[in-house]
Amino acid sequence: MGTFEVKECNDTEVAKALFIEYSQIKGAEGCFVSFDKELADLNNFYKGGAILVGYENGEPAGCIAIKKVDATGCEGKRLFIKPEYRGKGYARVLLNSMTEKARTLGYDQLTFTTKPEVMKTAYELYKRMDFEELGCENGTASMRIVL
């Protein structure tokens, strides 16, 4: 197994390529509302937050992002591991990096939504990592962790 390193993304092209690959997964379409606007200006969209990219041996393998909601809260978005890098525990590393970074940025809580039917593995991981489920509507579950 190679080394897996999570870094704050300064190259929006890298993030863009990962986000686009993620958006093409069957069933994920609903997660990409106003996606063009997001892609057009990633720096502004995630201002006050961060885009984190996980690299295996220098190759982008996955990503996660933090979007500012208000002074105390932020939203986790875009957790994605490329198919060829799955099953190595990288999602957990990215989630830990995200909560760590959100804490550093001064947020008290982090929320996000997921689709348990489409992203069953991720959903089960969130629950194992003590994310609290706030509710589920139209197949989309709202999750939260206090930082």
Protein backbone atom coordinates (compact mmCIF):
# COMPACT_ATOMS: atom_id res chain seq x y z
CA MET A 1 0.00 0.00 0.00
CA GLY A 2 1.29 3.44 -0.90
CA THR A 3 1.25 6.53 1.20
CA PHE A 4 -1.98 8.46 1.46
CA GLU A 5 -1.67 12.14 2.22
CA VAL A 6 -4.44 14.74 2.58
CA LYS A 7 -3.59 18.29 1.56
CA GLU A 8 -5.52 21.50 1.24
CA CYS A 9 -6.22 21.97 -2.44
CA ASN A 10 -4.76 25.06 -4.03
CA ASP A 11 -5.10 23.78 -7.58
CA THR A 12 -8.79 24.06 -8.42
CA GLU A 13 -8.26 22.03 -11.61
CA VAL A 14 -7.44 18.96 -9.49
CA ALA A 15 -10.57 19.47 -7.38
CA LYS A 16 -12.67 20.15 -10.47
CA ALA A 17 -11.63 16.88 -12.12
CA LEU A 18 -12.53 14.91 -8.96
CA PHE A 19 -15.87 16.71 -8.53
CA ILE A 20 -16.78 16.07 -12.17
CA GLU A 21 -15.91 12.37 -11.92
CA TYR A 22 -18.04 12.19 -8.77
CA SER A 23 -20.97 13.94 -10.49
CA GLN A 24 -21.06 11.21 -13.12
CA ILE A 25 -21.78 8.39 -10.64
CA LYS A 26 -25.18 6.90 -11.22
CA GLY A 27 -27.61 8.07 -8.56
CA ALA A 28 -25.48 11.03 -7.46
CA GLU A 29 -27.16 13.51 -9.80
CA GLY A 30 -29.35 15.02 -7.09
CA CYS A 31 -26.26 16.06 -5.11
CA PHE A 32 -25.15 18.37 -7.88
CA VAL A 33 -27.71 21.15 -7.97
CA SER A 34 -26.23 24.43 -9.31
CA PHE A 35 -23.04 22.48 -10.01
CA ASP A 36 -21.97 24.70 -12.93
CA LYS A 37 -21.98 27.72 -10.67
CA GLU A 38 -19.93 25.85 -8.07
CA LEU A 39 -17.38 24.71 -10.66
CA ALA A 40 -17.12 28.15 -12.23
CA ASP A 41 -15.78 29.63 -9.02
CA LEU A 42 -14.62 27.00 -6.55
CA ASN A 43 -12.57 29.48 -4.52
CA ASN A 44 -15.57 31.69 -3.85
CA PHE A 45 -18.00 28.82 -3.36
CA TYR A 46 -15.80 27.34 -0.62
CA LYS A 47 -14.64 30.67 0.82
CA GLY A 48 -14.32 30.35 4.59
CA GLY A 49 -14.10 26.59 4.14
CA ALA A 50 -11.66 24.33 2.33
CA ILE A 51 -11.24 21.71 -0.35
CA LEU A 52 -9.12 18.78 0.78
CA VAL A 53 -7.61 16.31 -1.66
CA GLY A 54 -6.21 12.93 -0.73
CA TYR A 55 -3.21 11.75 -2.72
CA GLU A 56 -1.89 8.21 -2.96
CA ASN A 57 1.76 8.31 -4.02
CA GLY A 58 1.21 11.81 -5.40
CA GLU A 59 -1.88 10.89 -7.47
CA PRO A 60 -5.25 12.50 -6.57
CA ALA A 61 -7.33 9.63 -5.15
CA GLY A 62 -10.20 11.39 -3.43
CA CYS A 63 -11.57 14.62 -2.02
CA ILE A 64 -13.84 16.26 0.51
CA ALA A 65 -14.89 19.88 0.97
CA ILE A 66 -16.05 22.22 3.72
CA LYS A 67 -18.52 24.98 2.91
CA LYS A 68 -19.21 27.82 5.32
CA VAL A 69 -22.87 28.02 6.40
CA ASP A 70 -22.61 30.73 9.05
CA ALA A 71 -20.21 31.93 11.78
CA THR A 72 -20.44 28.70 13.78
CA GLY A 73 -21.51 26.06 11.31
CA CYS A 74 -20.21 24.52 8.14
CA GLU A 75 -21.28 21.82 5.73
CA GLY A 76 -19.25 18.85 4.58
CA LYS A 77 -19.54 18.19 0.85
CA ARG A 78 -18.12 16.18 -2.01
CA LEU A 79 -16.69 13.16 -0.19
CA PHE A 80 -15.46 11.08 -3.09
CA ILE A 81 -12.91 8.31 -3.53
CA LYS A 82 -12.04 7.25 -7.06
CA PRO A 83 -13.27 3.68 -7.65
CA GLU A 84 -9.77 2.26 -8.06
CA TYR A 85 -8.76 3.58 -4.62
CA ARG A 86 -11.77 2.34 -2.65
CA GLY A 87 -11.62 -0.17 0.18
CA LYS A 88 -8.41 1.21 1.66
CA GLY A 89 -9.92 3.24 4.49
CA TYR A 90 -9.31 6.57 2.76
CA ALA A 91 -12.85 7.89 3.32
CA ARG A 92 -12.30 7.70 7.08
CA VAL A 93 -8.99 9.58 6.73
CA LEU A 94 -10.68 12.28 4.62
CA LEU A 95 -13.57 12.60 7.11
CA ASN A 96 -11.13 12.95 10.01
CA SER A 97 -9.14 15.56 8.06
CA MET A 98 -12.38 17.42 7.33
CA THR A 99 -13.52 17.58 10.98
CA GLU A 100 -9.98 18.56 12.04
CA LYS A 101 -9.86 21.36 9.45
CA ALA A 102 -13.37 22.57 10.36
CA ARG A 103 -12.25 22.80 14.00
CA THR A 104 -9.15 24.76 12.96
CA LEU A 105 -11.38 27.14 11.00
CA GLY A 106 -13.33 27.78 14.21
CA TYR A 107 -16.61 25.99 13.47
CA ASP A 108 -18.67 24.39 16.27
CA GLN A 109 -20.61 21.97 14.15
CA LEU A 110 -20.54 20.35 10.78
CA THR A 111 -23.60 19.09 8.91
CA PHE A 112 -23.99 17.29 5.63
CA THR A 113 -26.47 15.27 3.66
CA THR A 114 -26.09 11.86 2.11
CA LYS A 115 -28.26 9.42 0.20
CA PRO A 116 -28.17 6.13 2.14
CA GLU A 117 -29.56 4.13 -0.79
CA VAL A 118 -26.97 5.41 -3.25
CA MET A 119 -24.05 5.76 -0.84
CA LYS A 120 -24.68 2.94 1.59
CA THR A 121 -21.00 2.38 2.46
CA ALA A 122 -20.44 6.07 3.21
CA TYR A 123 -23.65 6.28 5.24
CA GLU A 124 -22.63 3.32 7.40
CA LEU A 125 -19.19 4.84 7.91
CA TYR A 126 -20.73 8.14 9.10
CA LYS A 127 -22.77 6.28 11.67
CA ARG A 128 -19.72 4.36 12.90
CA MET A 129 -17.85 7.65 13.22
CA ASP A 130 -20.51 9.11 15.53
CA PHE A 131 -22.21 11.40 13.08
CA GLU A 132 -25.75 11.95 14.33
CA GLU A 133 -28.64 11.50 11.94
CA LEU A 134 -31.03 14.47 12.18
CA GLY A 135 -33.65 13.15 9.81
CA CYS A 136 -34.29 11.69 6.39
CA GLU A 137 -36.40 13.23 3.65
CA ASN A 138 -36.93 11.96 0.08
CA GLY A 139 -34.06 9.52 0.43
CA THR A 140 -31.64 12.17 1.70
CA ALA A 141 -30.36 11.88 5.25
CA SER A 142 -29.13 14.92 7.20
CA MET A 143 -26.14 14.20 9.43
CA ARG A 144 -24.31 16.28 12.01
CA ILE A 145 -21.23 16.17 14.18
CA VAL A 146 -20.42 18.61 16.97
CA LEU A 147 -16.78 19.64 16.70
